[in-house]
PDB file of N, CA and C in Angstrom:
ATOM      1  N   MET A   1     -14.729  10.875   2.750  1.00  0.00           N
ATOM      2  CA  MET A   1     -13.376  11.277   3.405  1.00  0.00           C
ATOM      3  C   MET A   1     -12.619  10.374   2.081  1.00  0.00           C
ATOM      4  N   SER A   2     -11.492  10.904   1.621  1.00  0.00           N
ATOM      5  CA  SER A   2     -10.556  10.261   0.575  1.00  0.00           C
ATOM      6  C   SER A   2      -9.648   9.566   1.286  1.00  0.00           C
ATOM      7  N   LEU A   3      -8.719   8.992   0.332  1.00  0.00           N
ATOM      8  CA  LEU A   3      -7.984   7.613   1.185  1.00  0.00           C
ATOM      9  C   LEU A   3      -6.774   8.578   1.553  1.00  0.00           C
ATOM     10  N   HIS A   4      -6.261   9.567   0.742  1.00  0.00           N
ATOM     11  CA  HIS A   4      -5.345  10.244   1.468  1.00  0.00           C
ATOM     12  C   HIS A   4      -5.758  11.093   2.741  1.00  0.00           C
ATOM     13  N   GLU A   5      -6.853  11.439   2.959  1.00  0.00           N
ATOM     14  CA  GLU A   5      -7.359  11.878   4.264  1.00  0.00           C
ATOM     15  C   GLU A   5      -7.505  11.051   5.242  1.00  0.00           C
ATOM     16  N   GLU A   6      -7.805  10.082   4.927  1.00  0.00           N
ATOM     17  CA  GLU A   6      -8.213   8.853   6.118  1.00  0.00           C
ATOM     18  C   GLU A   6      -6.644   8.592   6.400  1.00  0.00           C
ATOM     19  N   ILE A   7      -5.539   8.204   5.625  1.00  0.00           N
ATOM     20  CA  ILE A   7      -4.124   8.015   6.164  1.00  0.00           C
ATOM     21  C   ILE A   7      -3.760   9.034   6.990  1.00  0.00           C
ATOM     22  N   LYS A   8      -3.782  10.395   6.767  1.00  0.00           N
ATOM     23  CA  LYS A   8      -3.512  11.647   7.491  1.00  0.00           C
ATOM     24  C   LYS A   8      -4.075  11.384   8.878  1.00  0.00           C
ATOM     25  N   ALA A   9      -4.978  11.027   8.783  1.00  0.00           N
ATOM     26  CA  ALA A   9      -5.941  10.822  10.263  1.00  0.00           C
ATOM     27  C   ALA A   9      -5.418   9.608  10.775  1.00  0.00           C
ATOM     28  N   GLU A  10      -4.681   8.997  10.456  1.00  0.00           N
ATOM     29  CA  GLU A  10      -4.122   7.564  10.991  1.00  0.00           C
ATOM     30  C   GLU A  10      -2.698   8.125  11.994  1.00  0.00           C
ATOM     31  N   VAL A  11      -2.229   9.279  11.559  1.00  0.00           N
ATOM     32  CA  VAL A  11      -0.984   9.588  12.690  1.00  0.00           C
ATOM     33  C   VAL A  11      -1.652   9.669  13.985  1.00  0.00           C
ATOM     34  N   LYS A  12      -2.348  10.400  14.412  1.00  0.00           N
ATOM     35  CA  LYS A  12      -2.767  10.413  16.032  1.00  0.00           C
ATOM     36  C   LYS A  12      -2.760   9.125  16.332  1.00  0.00           C
ATOM     37  N   PRO A  13      -3.556   8.352  16.229  1.00  0.00           N
ATOM     38  CA  PRO A  13      -4.126   6.900  16.464  1.00  0.00           C
ATOM     39  C   PRO A  13      -3.148   6.027  16.765  1.00  0.00           C
ATOM     40  N   ALA A  14      -1.818   6.077  15.778  1.00  0.00           N
ATOM     41  CA  ALA A  14      -0.749   5.546  15.774  1.00  0.00           C
ATOM     42  C   ALA A  14       0.510   5.924  16.819  1.00  0.00           C
ATOM     43  N   MET A  15       0.228   7.326  16.779  1.00  0.00           N
ATOM     44  CA  MET A  15       0.977   7.744  17.775  1.00  0.00           C
ATOM     45  C   MET A  15       0.257   7.436  19.530  1.00  0.00           C
ATOM     46  N   MET A  16      -0.919   7.500  19.409  1.00  0.00           N
ATOM     47  CA  MET A  16      -1.290   7.116  21.030  1.00  0.00           C
ATOM     48  C   MET A  16      -1.017   6.019  21.414  1.00  0.00           C
ATOM     49  N   ALA A  17      -1.562   4.804  20.329  1.00  0.00           N
ATOM     50  CA  ALA A  17      -1.161   3.495  20.480  1.00  0.00           C
ATOM     51  C   ALA A  17       0.285   3.006  20.770  1.00  0.00           C
ATOM     52  N   LYS A  18       1.188   4.046  20.249  1.00  0.00           N
ATOM     53  CA  LYS A  18       2.979   3.981  20.198  1.00  0.00           C
ATOM     54  C   LYS A  18       3.188   2.764  19.562  1.00  0.00           C
ATOM     55  N   ASP A  19       2.637   2.891  18.372  1.00  0.00           N
ATOM     56  CA  ASP A  19       2.860   1.691  17.296  1.00  0.00           C
ATOM     57  C   ASP A  19       3.773   2.370  16.518  1.00  0.00           C
ATOM     58  N   ALA A  20       4.959   2.135  16.711  1.00  0.00           N
ATOM     59  CA  ALA A  20       6.113   2.912  16.051  1.00  0.00           C
ATOM     60  C   ALA A  20       6.312   2.399  14.450  1.00  0.00           C
ATOM     61  N   VAL A  21       5.741   1.056  14.124  1.00  0.00           N
ATOM     62  CA  VAL A  21       5.746   0.572  12.650  1.00  0.00           C
ATOM     63  C   VAL A  21       4.770   1.384  12.099  1.00  0.00           C
ATOM     64  N   ARG A  22       3.363   1.476  12.742  1.00  0.00           N
ATOM     65  CA  ARG A  22       2.619   2.049  11.533  1.00  0.00           C
ATOM     66  C   ARG A  22       2.667   3.574  11.575  1.00  0.00           C
ATOM     67  N   LEU A  23       2.931   3.918  12.713  1.00  0.00           N
ATOM     68  CA  LEU A  23       3.295   5.464  12.411  1.00  0.00           C
ATOM     69  C   LEU A  23       4.491   5.955  11.497  1.00  0.00           C
ATOM     70  N   SER A  24       5.290   4.961  11.278  1.00  0.00           N
ATOM     71  CA  SER A  24       6.801   5.285  10.468  1.00  0.00           C
ATOM     72  C   SER A  24       6.038   4.909   9.071  1.00  0.00           C
ATOM     73  N   VAL A  25       5.288   3.961   8.815  1.00  0.00           N
ATOM     74  CA  VAL A  25       4.450   3.560   7.596  1.00  0.00           C
ATOM     75  C   VAL A  25       3.718   4.782   7.061  1.00  0.00           C
ATOM     76  N   VAL A  26       2.762   5.068   8.218  1.00  0.00           N
ATOM     77  CA  VAL A  26       1.935   6.270   7.546  1.00  0.00           C
ATOM     78  C   VAL A  26       2.520   7.410   7.477  1.00  0.00           C
ATOM     79  N   ARG A  27       3.532   7.782   7.962  1.00  0.00           N
ATOM     80  CA  ARG A  27       4.291   9.107   7.723  1.00  0.00           C
ATOM     81  C   ARG A  27       5.108   9.089   6.401  1.00  0.00           C
ATOM     82  N   ASN A  28       5.641   7.772   6.419  1.00  0.00           N
ATOM     83  CA  ASN A  28       6.006   7.499   5.112  1.00  0.00           C
ATOM     84  C   ASN A  28       5.163   7.323   3.597  1.00  0.00           C
ATOM     85  N   MET A  29       3.963   7.235   3.856  1.00  0.00           N
ATOM     86  CA  MET A  29       2.785   7.418   2.652  1.00  0.00           C
ATOM     87  C   MET A  29       2.516   8.676   2.757  1.00  0.00           C
ATOM     88  N   ILE A  30       2.415   9.437   3.612  1.00  0.00           N
ATOM     89  CA  ILE A  30       2.068  10.824   3.433  1.00  0.00           C
ATOM     90  C   ILE A  30       3.085  11.942   2.969  1.00  0.00           C
ATOM     91  N   SER A  31       4.285  11.445   3.238  1.00  0.00           N
ATOM     92  CA  SER A  31       5.569  11.977   2.598  1.00  0.00           C
ATOM     93  C   SER A  31       5.514  11.646   1.134  1.00  0.00           C
ATOM     94  N   ALA A  32       5.286  10.326   0.850  1.00  0.00           N
ATOM     95  CA  ALA A  32       5.444   9.711  -0.493  1.00  0.00           C
ATOM     96  C   ALA A  32       4.162  10.735  -1.692  1.00  0.00           C
ATOM     97  N   PHE A  33       3.253  11.020  -0.834  1.00  0.00           N
ATOM     98  CA  PHE A  33       1.926  11.624  -1.066  1.00  0.00           C
ATOM     99  C   PHE A  33       2.039  12.920  -1.694  1.00  0.00           C
ATOM    100  N   THR A  34       2.858  13.539  -0.502  1.00  0.00           N
ATOM    101  CA  THR A  34       3.325  15.128  -0.594  1.00  0.00           C
ATOM    102  C   THR A  34       4.126  15.188  -2.095  1.00  0.00           C
ATOM    103  N   ASN A  35       5.473  14.221  -2.003  1.00  0.00           N
ATOM    104  CA  ASN A  35       6.361  13.975  -3.218  1.00  0.00           C
ATOM    105  C   ASN A  35       5.603  13.909  -4.698  1.00  0.00           C
ATOM    106  N   GLU A  36       4.341  13.064  -4.659  1.00  0.00           N
ATOM    107  CA  GLU A  36       3.755  13.027  -5.887  1.00  0.00           C
ATOM    108  C   GLU A  36       2.939  14.220  -5.989  1.00  0.00           C
ATOM    109  N   LEU A  37       2.430  14.692  -5.282  1.00  0.00           N
ATOM    110  CA  LEU A  37       1.769  16.135  -5.464  1.00  0.00           C
ATOM    111  C   LEU A  37       2.797  17.253  -6.249  1.00  0.00           C
ATOM    112  N   VAL A  38       3.966  17.212  -5.399  1.00  0.00           N
ATOM    113  CA  VAL A  38       4.819  18.329  -5.971  1.00  0.00           C
ATOM    114  C   VAL A  38       5.414  17.816  -7.487  1.00  0.00           C
ATOM    115  N   ALA A  39       5.466  16.837  -7.882  1.00  0.00           N
ATOM    116  CA  ALA A  39       5.896  16.015  -8.925  1.00  0.00           C
ATOM    117  C   ALA A  39       4.931  16.201  -9.984  1.00  0.00           C
ATOM    118  N   THR A  40       3.551  16.555  -9.591  1.00  0.00           N
ATOM    119  CA  THR A  40       2.873  16.624 -10.620  1.00  0.00           C
ATOM    120  C   THR A  40       2.165  17.963 -10.826  1.00  0.00           C
ATOM    121  N   GLY A  41       3.140  18.978 -10.032  1.00  0.00           N
ATOM    122  CA  GLY A  41       2.913  20.401 -10.453  1.00  0.00           C
ATOM    123  C   GLY A  41       1.725  21.117  -9.288  1.00  0.00           C
ATOM    124  N   LYS A  42       1.491  20.257  -8.129  1.00  0.00           N
ATOM    125  CA  LYS A  42       0.441  20.649  -7.411  1.00  0.00           C
ATOM    126  C   LYS A  42       0.802  21.054  -6.070  1.00  0.00           C
ATOM    127  N   THR A  43       0.250  21.717  -5.224  1.00  0.00           N
ATOM    128  CA  THR A  43       1.201  22.200  -3.973  1.00  0.00           C
ATOM    129  C   THR A  43       0.927  21.158  -2.763  1.00  0.00           C
ATOM    130  N   PRO A  44       1.823  21.132  -1.950  1.00  0.00           N
ATOM    131  CA  PRO A  44       1.788  19.919  -1.060  1.00  0.00           C
ATOM    132  C   PRO A  44       0.513  20.135  -0.047  1.00  0.00           C
ATOM    133  N   GLN A  45       0.241  21.014   0.148  1.00  0.00           N
ATOM    134  CA  GLN A  45      -1.278  21.192   0.717  1.00  0.00           C
ATOM    135  C   GLN A  45      -2.659  20.642  -0.090  1.00  0.00           C
ATOM    136  N   ASP A  46      -2.100  20.443  -1.426  1.00  0.00           N
ATOM    137  CA  ASP A  46      -3.423  19.837  -1.806  1.00  0.00           C
ATOM    138  C   ASP A  46      -3.433  18.314  -1.766  1.00  0.00           C
ATOM    139  N   MET A  47      -4.622  17.603  -1.983  1.00  0.00           N
ATOM    140  CA  MET A  47      -5.052  15.935  -1.488  1.00  0.00           C
ATOM    141  C   MET A  47      -4.802  15.265  -2.901  1.00  0.00           C
ATOM    142  N   LEU A  48      -4.221  14.135  -2.730  1.00  0.00           N
ATOM    143  CA  LEU A  48      -4.106  13.389  -3.858  1.00  0.00           C
ATOM    144  C   LEU A  48      -5.934  12.628  -4.155  1.00  0.00           C
ATOM    145  N   ASP A  49      -6.275  12.406  -5.098  1.00  0.00           N
ATOM    146  CA  ASP A  49      -7.296  11.409  -5.211  1.00  0.00           C
ATOM    147  C   ASP A  49      -7.005  10.018  -5.175  1.00  0.00           C
ATOM    148  N   ASP A  50      -7.916   9.252  -4.867  1.00  0.00           N
ATOM    149  CA  ASP A  50      -8.143   7.650  -4.510  1.00  0.00           C
ATOM    150  C   ASP A  50      -7.479   7.225  -5.485  1.00  0.00           C
ATOM    151  N   ALA A  51      -7.179   7.239  -6.607  1.00  0.00           N
ATOM    152  CA  ALA A  51      -6.168   6.866  -7.542  1.00  0.00           C
ATOM    153  C   ALA A  51      -4.986   7.215  -7.473  1.00  0.00           C
ATOM    154  N   GLY A  52      -4.709   8.297  -7.131  1.00  0.00           N
ATOM    155  CA  GLY A  52      -3.481   8.665  -7.195  1.00  0.00           C
ATOM    156  C   GLY A  52      -2.917   8.239  -5.773  1.00  0.00           C
ATOM    157  N   ALA A  53      -3.597   8.136  -4.647  1.00  0.00           N
ATOM    158  CA  ALA A  53      -3.125   7.730  -3.418  1.00  0.00           C
ATOM    159  C   ALA A  53      -2.734   6.308  -3.617  1.00  0.00           C
ATOM    160  N   LEU A  54      -3.524   5.687  -4.125  1.00  0.00           N
ATOM    161  CA  LEU A  54      -3.276   4.078  -4.506  1.00  0.00           C
ATOM    162  C   LEU A  54      -2.336   3.876  -5.352  1.00  0.00           C
ATOM    163  N   LYS A  55      -2.052   4.322  -6.149  1.00  0.00           N
ATOM    164  CA  LYS A  55      -0.923   4.175  -7.088  1.00  0.00           C
ATOM    165  C   LYS A  55       0.241   4.608  -6.442  1.00  0.00           C
ATOM    166  N   VAL A  56       0.463   5.602  -5.319  1.00  0.00           N
ATOM    167  CA  VAL A  56       1.550   5.968  -4.475  1.00  0.00           C
ATOM    168  C   VAL A  56       1.728   4.703  -3.567  1.00  0.00           C
ATOM    169  N   ILE A  57       0.648   4.138  -2.909  1.00  0.00           N
ATOM    170  CA  ILE A  57       0.770   3.065  -1.943  1.00  0.00           C
ATOM    171  C   ILE A  57       1.503   1.531  -2.757  1.00  0.00           C
ATOM    172  N   LYS A  58       0.698   1.640  -3.782  1.00  0.00           N
ATOM    173  CA  LYS A  58       1.071   0.310  -4.600  1.00  0.00           C
ATOM    174  C   LYS A  58       2.554   0.630  -5.089  1.00  0.00           C
ATOM    175  N   ARG A  59       3.102   1.428  -5.144  1.00  0.00           N
ATOM    176  CA  ARG A  59       4.594   1.621  -5.504  1.00  0.00           C
ATOM    177  C   ARG A  59       5.252   1.505  -4.268  1.00  0.00           C
ATOM    178  N   LEU A  60       5.017   2.142  -2.973  1.00  0.00           N
ATOM    179  CA  LEU A  60       5.501   1.544  -1.811  1.00  0.00           C
ATOM    180  C   LEU A  60       5.398   0.399  -1.391  1.00  0.00           C
ATOM    181  N   SER A  61       4.566  -0.661  -1.511  1.00  0.00           N
ATOM    182  CA  SER A  61       4.391  -1.968  -1.613  1.00  0.00           C
ATOM    183  C   SER A  61       5.269  -2.671  -2.149  1.00  0.00           C
ATOM    184  N   ASN A  62       5.407  -2.311  -3.395  1.00  0.00           N
ATOM    185  CA  ASN A  62       6.533  -2.783  -4.572  1.00  0.00           C
ATOM    186  C   ASN A  62       7.605  -2.916  -4.153  1.00  0.00           C
ATOM    187  N   GLN A  63       8.343  -1.604  -3.334  1.00  0.00           N
ATOM    188  CA  GLN A  63       9.447  -1.244  -2.789  1.00  0.00           C
ATOM    189  C   GLN A  63       9.739  -2.305  -1.611  1.00  0.00           C
ATOM    190  N   ARG A  64       8.723  -2.261  -1.196  1.00  0.00           N
ATOM    191  CA  ARG A  64       8.941  -3.510   0.153  1.00  0.00           C
ATOM    192  C   ARG A  64       9.070  -4.507  -0.267  1.00  0.00           C
ATOM    193  N   LYS A  65       8.355  -5.482  -1.141  1.00  0.00           N
ATOM    194  CA  LYS A  65       8.307  -6.648  -1.630  1.00  0.00           C
ATOM    195  C   LYS A  65       9.846  -6.562  -2.221  1.00  0.00           C
ATOM    196  N   ASP A  66      10.143  -5.790  -3.367  1.00  0.00           N
ATOM    197  CA  ASP A  66      11.768  -5.915  -3.344  1.00  0.00           C
ATOM    198  C   ASP A  66      12.848  -5.810  -2.793  1.00  0.00           C
ATOM    199  N   SER A  67      12.569  -5.239  -1.427  1.00  0.00           N
ATOM    200  CA  SER A  67      13.580  -5.015  -0.570  1.00  0.00           C
ATOM    201  C   SER A  67      13.727  -6.283   0.326  1.00  0.00           C
ATOM    202  N   ILE A  68      12.462  -6.640   0.829  1.00  0.00           N
ATOM    203  CA  ILE A  68      12.219  -8.091   1.204  1.00  0.00           C
ATOM    204  C   ILE A  68      13.093  -9.210   0.593  1.00  0.00           C
ATOM    205  N   GLU A  69      13.058  -9.412  -0.850  1.00  0.00           N
ATOM    206  CA  GLU A  69      13.610 -10.255  -1.630  1.00  0.00           C
ATOM    207  C   GLU A  69      15.149  -9.963  -1.736  1.00  0.00           C
ATOM    208  N   GLN A  70      15.388  -8.872  -1.799  1.00  0.00           N
ATOM    209  CA  GLN A  70      17.125  -8.471  -1.651  1.00  0.00           C
ATOM    210  C   GLN A  70      17.431  -9.025  -0.447  1.00  0.00           C
ATOM    211  N   PHE A  71      16.782  -8.655   0.937  1.00  0.00           N
ATOM    212  CA  PHE A  71      17.268  -8.773   2.219  1.00  0.00           C
ATOM    213  C   PHE A  71      17.522 -10.476   2.473  1.00  0.00           C
ATOM    214  N   ILE A  72      16.233 -11.041   1.947  1.00  0.00           N
ATOM    215  CA  ILE A  72      16.491 -12.779   1.882  1.00  0.00           C
ATOM    216  C   ILE A  72      17.633 -13.263   1.288  1.00  0.00           C
ATOM    217  N   ASN A  73      17.578 -12.752   0.146  1.00  0.00           N
ATOM    218  CA  ASN A  73      18.843 -13.222  -0.839  1.00  0.00           C
ATOM    219  C   ASN A  73      20.045 -12.694  -0.182  1.00  0.00           C
ATOM    220  N   GLY A  74      20.415 -11.556   0.428  1.00  0.00           N
ATOM    221  CA  GLY A  74      21.748 -11.211   1.385  1.00  0.00           C
ATOM    222  C   GLY A  74      21.747 -11.417   2.539  1.00  0.00           C
ATOM    223  N   GLY A  75      21.110 -12.727   2.922  1.00  0.00           N
ATOM    224  CA  GLY A  75      21.184 -13.165   4.159  1.00  0.00           C
ATOM    225  C   GLY A  75      20.902 -12.311   5.467  1.00  0.00           C
ATOM    226  N   ARG A  76      20.004 -11.502   5.267  1.00  0.00           N
ATOM    227  CA  ARG A  76      19.615 -10.582   6.372  1.00  0.00           C
ATOM    228  C   ARG A  76      18.061 -10.796   6.471  1.00  0.00           C
ATOM    229  N   PRO A  77      17.892 -11.886   7.292  1.00  0.00           N
ATOM    230  CA  PRO A  77      16.063 -12.141   7.506  1.00  0.00           C
ATOM    231  C   PRO A  77      15.360 -11.122   8.431  1.00  0.00           C
ATOM    232  N   GLU A  78      16.237 -10.913   9.341  1.00  0.00           N
ATOM    233  CA  GLU A  78      15.507  -9.885  10.482  1.00  0.00           C
ATOM    234  C   GLU A  78      15.392  -8.253   9.566  1.00  0.00           C
ATOM    235  N   LEU A  79      16.097  -7.713   8.726  1.00  0.00           N
ATOM    236  CA  LEU A  79      15.613  -6.807   7.940  1.00  0.00           C
ATOM    237  C   LEU A  79      14.655  -7.142   7.235  1.00  0.00           C
ATOM    238  N   ALA A  80      14.454  -8.454   6.437  1.00  0.00           N
ATOM    239  CA  ALA A  80      13.306  -8.853   5.664  1.00  0.00           C
ATOM    240  C   ALA A  80      11.947  -8.639   6.732  1.00  0.00           C
ATOM    241  N   GLU A  81      12.160  -9.224   7.836  1.00  0.00           N
ATOM    242  CA  GLU A  81      10.744  -9.301   8.752  1.00  0.00           C
ATOM    243  C   GLU A  81      10.349  -7.830   8.789  1.00  0.00           C
ATOM    244  N   SER A  82      11.491  -6.679   8.908  1.00  0.00           N
ATOM    245  CA  SER A  82      10.990  -5.625   9.280  1.00  0.00           C
ATOM    246  C   SER A  82      10.021  -5.016   8.139  1.00  0.00           C
ATOM    247  N   GLU A  83      10.500  -5.036   7.033  1.00  0.00           N
ATOM    248  CA  GLU A  83       9.918  -4.728   5.550  1.00  0.00           C
ATOM    249  C   GLU A  83       8.723  -5.834   5.624  1.00  0.00           C
ATOM    250  N   LYS A  84       8.711  -6.667   6.050  1.00  0.00           N
ATOM    251  CA  LYS A  84       7.310  -7.615   5.894  1.00  0.00           C
ATOM    252  C   LYS A  84       6.128  -6.721   6.886  1.00  0.00           C
ATOM    253  N   ALA A  85       6.547  -6.478   7.821  1.00  0.00           N
ATOM    254  CA  ALA A  85       5.688  -5.673   8.921  1.00  0.00           C
ATOM    255  C   ALA A  85       5.397  -4.484   8.141  1.00  0.00           C
ATOM    256  N   GLU A  86       6.255  -3.981   7.826  1.00  0.00           N
ATOM    257  CA  GLU A  86       5.392  -2.328   6.835  1.00  0.00           C
ATOM    258  C   GLU A  86       4.858  -2.838   5.620  1.00  0.00           C
ATOM    259  N   LEU A  87       4.871  -3.912   5.107  1.00  0.00           N
ATOM    260  CA  LEU A  87       4.035  -4.529   3.816  1.00  0.00           C
ATOM    261  C   LEU A  87       2.816  -4.920   4.430  1.00  0.00           C
ATOM    262  N   VAL A  88       2.567  -5.526   5.485  1.00  0.00           N
ATOM    263  CA  VAL A  88       1.420  -5.536   5.742  1.00  0.00           C
ATOM    264  C   VAL A  88       0.520  -4.275   6.085  1.00  0.00           C
ATOM    265  N   ILE A  89       1.086  -3.459   6.603  1.00  0.00           N
ATOM    266  CA  ILE A  89       0.361  -2.393   7.109  1.00  0.00           C
ATOM    267  C   ILE A  89      -0.223  -1.606   5.754  1.00  0.00           C
ATOM    268  N   LEU A  90       0.697  -1.465   4.486  1.00  0.00           N
ATOM    269  CA  LEU A  90       0.636  -0.919   3.106  1.00  0.00           C
ATOM    270  C   LEU A  90      -0.599  -1.592   2.466  1.00  0.00           C
ATOM    271  N   GLU A  91      -0.647  -2.834   2.549  1.00  0.00           N
ATOM    272  CA  GLU A  91      -1.623  -3.998   1.846  1.00  0.00           C
ATOM    273  C   GLU A  91      -2.659  -3.569   2.562  1.00  0.00           C
ATOM    274  N   LYS A  92      -2.950  -2.928   3.763  1.00  0.00           N
ATOM    275  CA  LYS A  92      -4.444  -3.165   4.523  1.00  0.00           C
ATOM    276  C   LYS A  92      -5.345  -1.818   3.570  1.00  0.00           C
ATOM    277  N   TYR A  93      -4.356  -0.919   3.012  1.00  0.00           N
ATOM    278  CA  TYR A  93      -5.143   0.122   2.036  1.00  0.00           C
ATOM    279  C   TYR A  93      -5.240  -0.076   0.734  1.00  0.00           C
ATOM    280  N   LEU A  94      -4.857  -0.837   0.145  1.00  0.00           N
ATOM    281  CA  LEU A  94      -4.795  -1.472  -1.310  1.00  0.00           C
ATOM    282  C   LEU A  94      -6.383  -2.450  -1.360  1.00  0.00           C
ATOM    283  N   PRO A  95      -6.626  -2.437  -2.794  1.00  0.00           N
ATOM    284  CA  PRO A  95      -8.029  -3.325  -2.646  1.00  0.00           C
ATOM    285  C   PRO A  95      -7.426  -4.492  -2.642  1.00  0.00           C
ATOM    286  N   THR A  96      -8.050  -5.529  -2.333  1.00  0.00           N
ATOM    287  CA  THR A  96      -8.127  -6.961  -2.036  1.00  0.00           C
ATOM    288  C   THR A  96      -8.103  -7.578  -3.823  1.00  0.00           C
ATOM    289  N   LEU A  97      -7.278  -8.425  -4.156  1.00  0.00           N
ATOM    290  CA  LEU A  97      -7.816  -8.841  -5.608  1.00  0.00           C
ATOM    291  C   LEU A  97      -8.452 -10.375  -5.399  1.00  0.00           C
ATOM    292  N   MET A  98      -8.989 -10.648  -6.771  1.00  0.00           N
ATOM    293  CA  MET A  98     -10.124 -11.426  -6.611  1.00  0.00           C
ATOM    294  C   MET A  98      -9.229 -12.915  -6.900  1.00  0.00           C
ATOM    295  N   SER A  99      -9.700 -13.922  -6.290  1.00  0.00           N
ATOM    296  CA  SER A  99      -8.873 -15.214  -6.326  1.00  0.00           C
ATOM    297  C   SER A  99      -9.438 -15.453  -7.835  1.00  0.00           C
ATOM    298  N   ARG A 100      -8.551 -16.691  -8.070  1.00  0.00           N
ATOM    299  CA  ARG A 100      -8.584 -17.234  -9.317  1.00  0.00           C
ATOM    300  C   ARG A 100     -10.151 -18.224  -9.189  1.00  0.00           C
ATOM    301  N   GLU A 101     -10.505 -18.724  -8.247  1.00  0.00           N
ATOM    302  CA  GLU A 101     -11.892 -19.184  -8.183  1.00  0.00           C
ATOM    303  C   GLU A 101     -13.130 -18.275  -8.101  1.00  0.00           C
ATOM    304  N   GLU A 102     -12.916 -17.190  -7.617  1.00  0.00           N
ATOM    305  CA  GLU A 102     -13.697 -16.121  -7.980  1.00  0.00           C
ATOM    306  C   GLU A 102     -14.131 -15.576  -9.341  1.00  0.00           C
ATOM    307  N   ILE A 103     -12.773 -15.376 -10.218  1.00  0.00           N
ATOM    308  CA  ILE A 103     -12.782 -15.061 -11.392  1.00  0.00           C
ATOM    309  C   ILE A 103     -13.413 -16.227 -12.344  1.00  0.00           C
ATOM    310  N   LYS A 104     -13.122 -17.274 -12.026  1.00  0.00           N
ATOM    311  CA  LYS A 104     -14.006 -18.425 -12.813  1.00  0.00           C
ATOM    312  C   LYS A 104     -15.599 -18.445 -12.748  1.00  0.00           C
ATOM    313  N   LYS A 105     -15.768 -18.041 -11.594  1.00  0.00           N
ATOM    314  CA  LYS A 105     -17.527 -18.278 -10.827  1.00  0.00           C
ATOM    315  C   LYS A 105     -18.277 -17.269 -11.982  1.00  0.00           C
ATOM    316  N   ILE A 106     -17.214 -16.209 -12.077  1.00  0.00           N
ATOM    317  CA  ILE A 106     -17.763 -14.923 -12.724  1.00  0.00           C
ATOM    318  C   ILE A 106     -17.840 -15.266 -14.234  1.00  0.00           C
ATOM    319  N   ALA A 107     -16.523 -15.636 -14.538  1.00  0.00           N
ATOM    320  CA  ALA A 107     -16.391 -16.136 -16.029  1.00  0.00           C
ATOM    321  C   ALA A 107     -17.648 -17.591 -16.415  1.00  0.00           C
ATOM    322  N   ARG A 108     -17.866 -18.050 -15.267  1.00  0.00           N
ATOM    323  CA  ARG A 108     -19.057 -18.943 -15.834  1.00  0.00           C
ATOM    324  C   ARG A 108     -20.177 -18.324 -15.954  1.00  0.00           C
ATOM    325  N   LYS A 109     -20.455 -17.656 -15.146  1.00  0.00           N
ATOM    326  CA  LYS A 109     -22.006 -17.012 -15.038  1.00  0.00           C
ATOM    327  C   LYS A 109     -22.157 -15.921 -16.546  1.00  0.00           C
ATOM    328  N   LYS A 110     -21.085 -15.781 -16.927  1.00  0.00           N
ATOM    329  CA  LYS A 110     -21.206 -15.109 -18.225  1.00  0.00           C
ATOM    330  C   LYS A 110     -21.184 -15.832 -19.409  1.00  0.00           C
ATOM    331  N   GLY A 111     -20.867 -16.999 -19.270  1.00  0.00           N
ATOM    332  CA  GLY A 111     -21.037 -18.192 -20.478  1.00  0.00           C
ATOM    333  C   GLY A 111     -19.699 -18.318 -20.926  1.00  0.00           C
ATOM    334  N   SER A 112     -18.628 -17.903 -20.441  1.00  0.00           N
ATOM    335  CA  SER A 112     -17.139 -17.948 -21.242  1.00  0.00           C
ATOM    336  C   SER A 112     -17.014 -19.503 -21.311  1.00  0.00           C
ATOM    337  N   THR A 113     -16.018 -19.814 -22.726  1.00  0.00           N
ATOM    338  CA  THR A 113     -15.836 -21.262 -22.532  1.00  0.00           C
ATOM    339  C   THR A 113     -14.341 -21.279 -22.205  1.00  0.00           C
ATOM    340  N   TRP A 114     -13.576 -20.174 -22.167  1.00  0.00           N
ATOM    341  CA  TRP A 114     -12.260 -20.277 -21.380  1.00  0.00           C
ATOM    342  C   TRP A 114     -11.967 -21.008 -20.596  1.00  0.00           C
ATOM    343  N   CYS A 115     -12.727 -20.820 -19.561  1.00  0.00           N
ATOM    344  CA  CYS A 115     -12.502 -21.404 -18.013  1.00  0.00           C
ATOM    345  C   CYS A 115     -12.873 -22.790 -18.100  1.00  0.00           C
ATOM    346  N   HIS A 116     -11.829 -23.678 -17.602  1.00  0.00           N
ATOM    347  CA  HIS A 116     -12.006 -25.002 -17.259  1.00  0.00           C
ATOM    348  C   HIS A 116     -11.485 -25.407 -15.867  1.00  0.00           C
TER     349      HIS A 116
END
C-alpha cells in the first residue's frame, strides 16, 4: 500500500475516533496530494508515489514550522500550540532522521577520519 493510499485510509478511523485535529490534518494532506497531482499534469484520481507524497508532507511540515515561529513571535502561543499538534501528526508520516551519534557510528565503521 502506498503512502498516499495509507493516508486516504486514515480518514474513516479519524472520524470514528472523533479526532478533529487528525481528521483535519489527513484531509489537508489529501487535498495537497490532489493539488500536487493536478500541478504535475495528472488527474485527481491518480495516486502519488511515495516520493511525491513525502515531498508534499515535508512541505506541509515546513509550513507548520514557519507558522509556529510566526505565531510565537507575534505573541499568539495558543495558535502556535494548534500548529504544533498538527505538526506532530505530519511528522508521523515522515522518515526519522539519524542522530549525530548514529552517523558517527557508521562513519567509524567505514574507517572515516573526519569524525571526532
